[in-house]
Protein backbone atom coordinates (compact mmCIF):
# COMPACT_ATOMS: atom_id res chain seq x y z
CA MET A 1 37.18 211.65 5.75
CA PRO A 2 39.76 211.38 7.87
CA THR A 3 39.19 212.68 11.50
CA THR A 4 41.58 214.41 13.63
CA SER A 5 42.67 213.49 17.08
CA GLY A 6 43.90 215.94 19.28
CA ASN A 7 46.53 218.24 17.95
CA VAL A 8 47.24 215.88 14.84
CA LEU A 9 45.84 217.31 11.73
CA THR A 10 44.52 214.59 9.36
CA THR A 11 46.53 214.65 5.98
CA ASP A 12 43.47 216.54 3.90
CA SER A 13 43.77 219.72 6.60
CA ALA A 14 47.52 219.06 6.41
CA ALA A 15 47.28 219.57 2.36
CA ILE A 16 44.68 222.02 3.10
CA ALA A 17 47.52 224.29 5.25
CA THR A 18 50.29 223.39 2.77
CA LEU A 19 48.53 224.96 0.08
CA ASN A 20 47.00 227.77 2.35
CA ILE A 21 50.82 228.58 2.97
CA ARG A 22 51.64 228.31 -0.78
CA VAL A 23 49.17 230.49 -1.99
CA THR A 24 49.88 233.14 0.84
CA SER A 25 53.32 232.83 -0.30
CA ILE A 26 52.18 233.42 -4.25
CA GLU A 27 49.87 236.18 -3.05
CA GLY A 28 52.96 237.67 -1.24
CA ARG A 29 55.26 237.37 -4.59
CA VAL A 30 52.45 238.51 -6.65
CA SER A 31 51.81 241.69 -4.47
CA GLU A 32 55.54 242.33 -4.65
CA LEU A 33 55.73 241.94 -8.48
CA SER A 34 52.75 244.30 -8.85
CA SER A 35 53.86 246.98 -7.04
CA THR A 36 57.76 246.56 -8.58
CA ILE A 37 55.70 246.58 -12.03
CA ASN A 38 53.88 249.87 -10.76
CA GLY A 39 57.39 251.13 -9.82
CA VAL A 40 58.93 250.47 -13.20
CA GLN A 41 55.45 251.86 -14.92
CA ALA A 42 55.88 255.00 -13.05
CA ALA A 43 59.24 255.45 -13.69
CA LEU A 44 58.48 254.66 -17.49
CA ALA A 45 55.90 257.17 -17.36
CA THR A 46 58.08 259.68 -16.09
CA LYS A 47 60.87 258.90 -18.82
CA ILE A 48 58.50 259.26 -21.47
CA ASP A 49 57.25 262.51 -20.30
CA GLY A 50 60.54 263.96 -20.07
CA LEU A 51 61.61 262.33 -23.71
CA ALA A 52 58.00 263.61 -25.17
CA THR A 53 59.32 267.48 -23.37
CA ALA A 54 62.27 267.53 -24.94
CA LEU A 55 61.01 266.19 -28.39
CA GLY A 56 58.15 268.90 -28.32
CA GLY A 57 61.24 271.40 -27.45
CA LYS A 58 63.27 270.61 -30.54
CA ILE A 59 60.32 270.33 -33.07
CA GLU A 60 59.13 273.73 -31.70
CA GLU A 61 62.54 275.11 -32.18
CA ARG A 62 62.98 273.39 -35.78
CA GLY A 63 59.63 274.71 -36.48
CA ARG A 64 60.78 278.09 -35.94
CA PRO A 65 62.15 280.38 -39.33
CA GLN A 66 65.68 279.83 -39.94
CA TRP A 67 66.45 283.62 -40.60
CA ALA A 68 70.44 283.10 -40.64
CA ILE A 69 69.85 280.45 -43.14
CA TYR A 70 67.21 282.47 -45.38
CA ILE A 71 69.74 285.55 -44.87
CA ALA A 72 72.93 283.56 -45.95
CA GLY A 73 70.81 282.22 -48.98
CA ALA A 74 69.81 285.70 -49.61
CA MET A 75 73.28 287.14 -49.99
CA ALA A 76 74.33 284.35 -52.03
CA VAL A 77 71.80 284.58 -54.48
CA PHE A 78 72.64 288.61 -54.63
CA SER A 79 76.34 287.60 -55.11
CA VAL A 80 75.75 285.46 -57.86
CA TYR A 81 73.63 287.79 -59.49
CA ALA A 82 76.46 291.02 -59.03
CA TYR A 83 78.91 288.50 -60.32
CA MET A 84 77.07 287.73 -63.14
CA ASP A 85 76.22 291.78 -63.81
CA THR A 86 79.30 292.68 -63.83
CA ALA A 87 81.23 290.13 -64.90
CA LYS A 88 79.04 288.65 -68.25
CA ILE A 89 76.05 291.12 -68.57
CA SER A 90 77.78 294.42 -68.40
CA PRO A 91 79.99 293.65 -71.83
CA LEU A 92 76.75 292.38 -73.48
CA LYS A 93 75.35 295.68 -72.37
CA GLU A 94 78.12 297.62 -74.32
CA VAL A 95 78.24 295.38 -77.19
CA ASP A 96 74.39 295.80 -77.40
CA ALA A 97 74.70 299.66 -77.02
CA ARG A 98 77.36 299.93 -79.88
CA ILE A 99 74.98 297.79 -82.08
CA GLU A 100 71.92 300.17 -81.32
CA ALA A 101 74.31 303.27 -82.33
CA ARG A 102 75.22 301.65 -85.47
CA VAL A 103 71.74 300.61 -86.17
CA ASP A 104 70.97 304.51 -85.66
CA ARG A 105 73.47 305.54 -88.34
CA ILE A 106 72.53 303.31 -90.75
CA SER A 107 68.85 304.48 -90.05
CA ASN A 108 69.78 308.04 -90.47
CA LYS A 109 71.86 307.24 -93.47
CA VAL A 110 69.06 305.19 -95.35
CA GLU A 111 66.19 307.95 -94.22
CA ALA A 112 68.91 310.37 -95.38
CA GLU A 113 69.47 308.77 -98.81
CA MET A 114 65.84 307.66 -99.20
CA VAL A 115 63.95 308.53 -102.58
CA PRO A 116 60.57 309.85 -102.53
CA ILE A 117 57.78 307.66 -103.88
CA TRP A 118 56.88 310.01 -106.70
CA VAL A 119 60.48 309.68 -107.97
CA HIS A 120 59.88 305.85 -108.19
CA GLN A 121 56.79 305.81 -109.64
CA LYS A 122 58.05 308.64 -112.55
CA VAL A 123 61.03 305.93 -113.11
CA TRP A 124 58.15 302.76 -113.31
CA SER A 125 56.16 304.85 -115.49
CA LEU A 126 58.87 305.40 -118.03
CA THR A 127 59.81 302.05 -118.08
CA ASP A 128 56.26 300.36 -118.11
CA ASP A 129 56.16 303.04 -121.40
CA THR A 130 59.70 302.17 -122.90
CA LEU A 131 58.78 298.29 -122.27
CA LYS A 132 55.38 298.83 -124.37
CA ARG A 133 57.26 300.36 -127.43
CA VAL A 134 59.84 297.74 -127.54
CA THR A 135 57.18 295.18 -127.05
CA ASP A 136 54.97 297.15 -129.95
CA ALA A 137 57.84 297.22 -132.16
CA ASN A 138 58.84 293.64 -131.87
CA THR A 139 55.82 292.78 -132.62
CA ASP A 140 55.38 294.90 -135.59
CA ARG A 141 58.84 293.33 -136.62
CA ILE A 142 57.39 289.85 -136.38
CA LYS A 143 54.13 290.62 -138.36
CA ARG A 144 56.47 292.14 -141.22
CA ILE A 145 58.68 289.31 -141.40
CA GLU A 146 55.94 287.07 -141.62
CA GLU A 147 54.26 289.43 -144.40
CA GLN A 148 57.89 289.40 -145.97
CA PHE A 149 58.53 285.61 -146.17
CA GLY A 150 54.98 284.43 -146.48
CA ASN A 151 54.19 281.05 -147.03
CA ALA A 152 57.59 280.16 -148.06
CA TYR A 153 58.99 279.96 -144.52
CA ASN A 154 57.51 279.18 -141.50
CA LEU A 155 58.47 281.13 -138.38
CA ARG A 156 61.16 278.61 -137.39
CA ASP A 157 62.65 278.85 -140.81
CA ALA A 158 62.76 282.61 -140.39
CA ILE A 159 64.25 282.61 -136.77
CA GLN A 160 67.02 280.49 -138.03
CA GLN A 161 67.70 282.87 -141.14
CA LEU A 162 68.12 286.01 -138.73
CA ASP A 163 70.20 284.22 -136.39
CA ALA A 164 72.65 283.48 -139.06
CA ARG A 165 72.85 286.74 -139.95
CA VAL A 166 73.37 287.68 -136.42
CA ARG A 167 76.08 285.31 -136.32
CA HIS A 168 77.65 286.20 -139.85
CA PHE A 169 77.56 290.13 -138.23
CA GLU A 170 79.13 289.24 -135.03
CA SER A 171 81.82 287.39 -137.06
CA MET A 172 82.16 290.64 -139.07
CA ALA A 173 82.42 292.48 -135.58
CA THR A 174 85.40 290.37 -134.06
CA GLU A 175 87.21 290.63 -137.20
CA ARG A 176 87.65 294.15 -137.59
CA LYS A 177 89.01 294.43 -133.78
CA PRO A 178 92.92 294.31 -134.08
């Protein structure tokens, strides 16, 4: 190791002194940088708090019911309903009332002209009796025809002969008309 002679520092001491000066200078700058960062951090914290407060106020304001909008919407719905009622539904109500009146008149007329059930039963009974008599008479006629023609003709031949007679009488009836 080099020695010092008098006031003169050796090269190692000079290097250490230079490094010491540099370290002190760097420590000063780091200290300045640290205080600058702390100042910026404090300013940012203040700014963020201010923005958070403003944002919270806006959110709170938006969270409140917007009564003006609700009332305007209700008035718009009521206006549309009132228009629909007067312009569109009222004519339909009038038509509906006319239809109801007509139905009432028709119902009253039907009730007035309605025939009691006993009359229908009597008419149906007479119709059934008449149908039975006609059916019995036709059955008797068919039996007489079968007996009259016997085995010489079958039923088809008898029907054809009767059909020919009917045509003959019809032609006679049309010839007499002027």
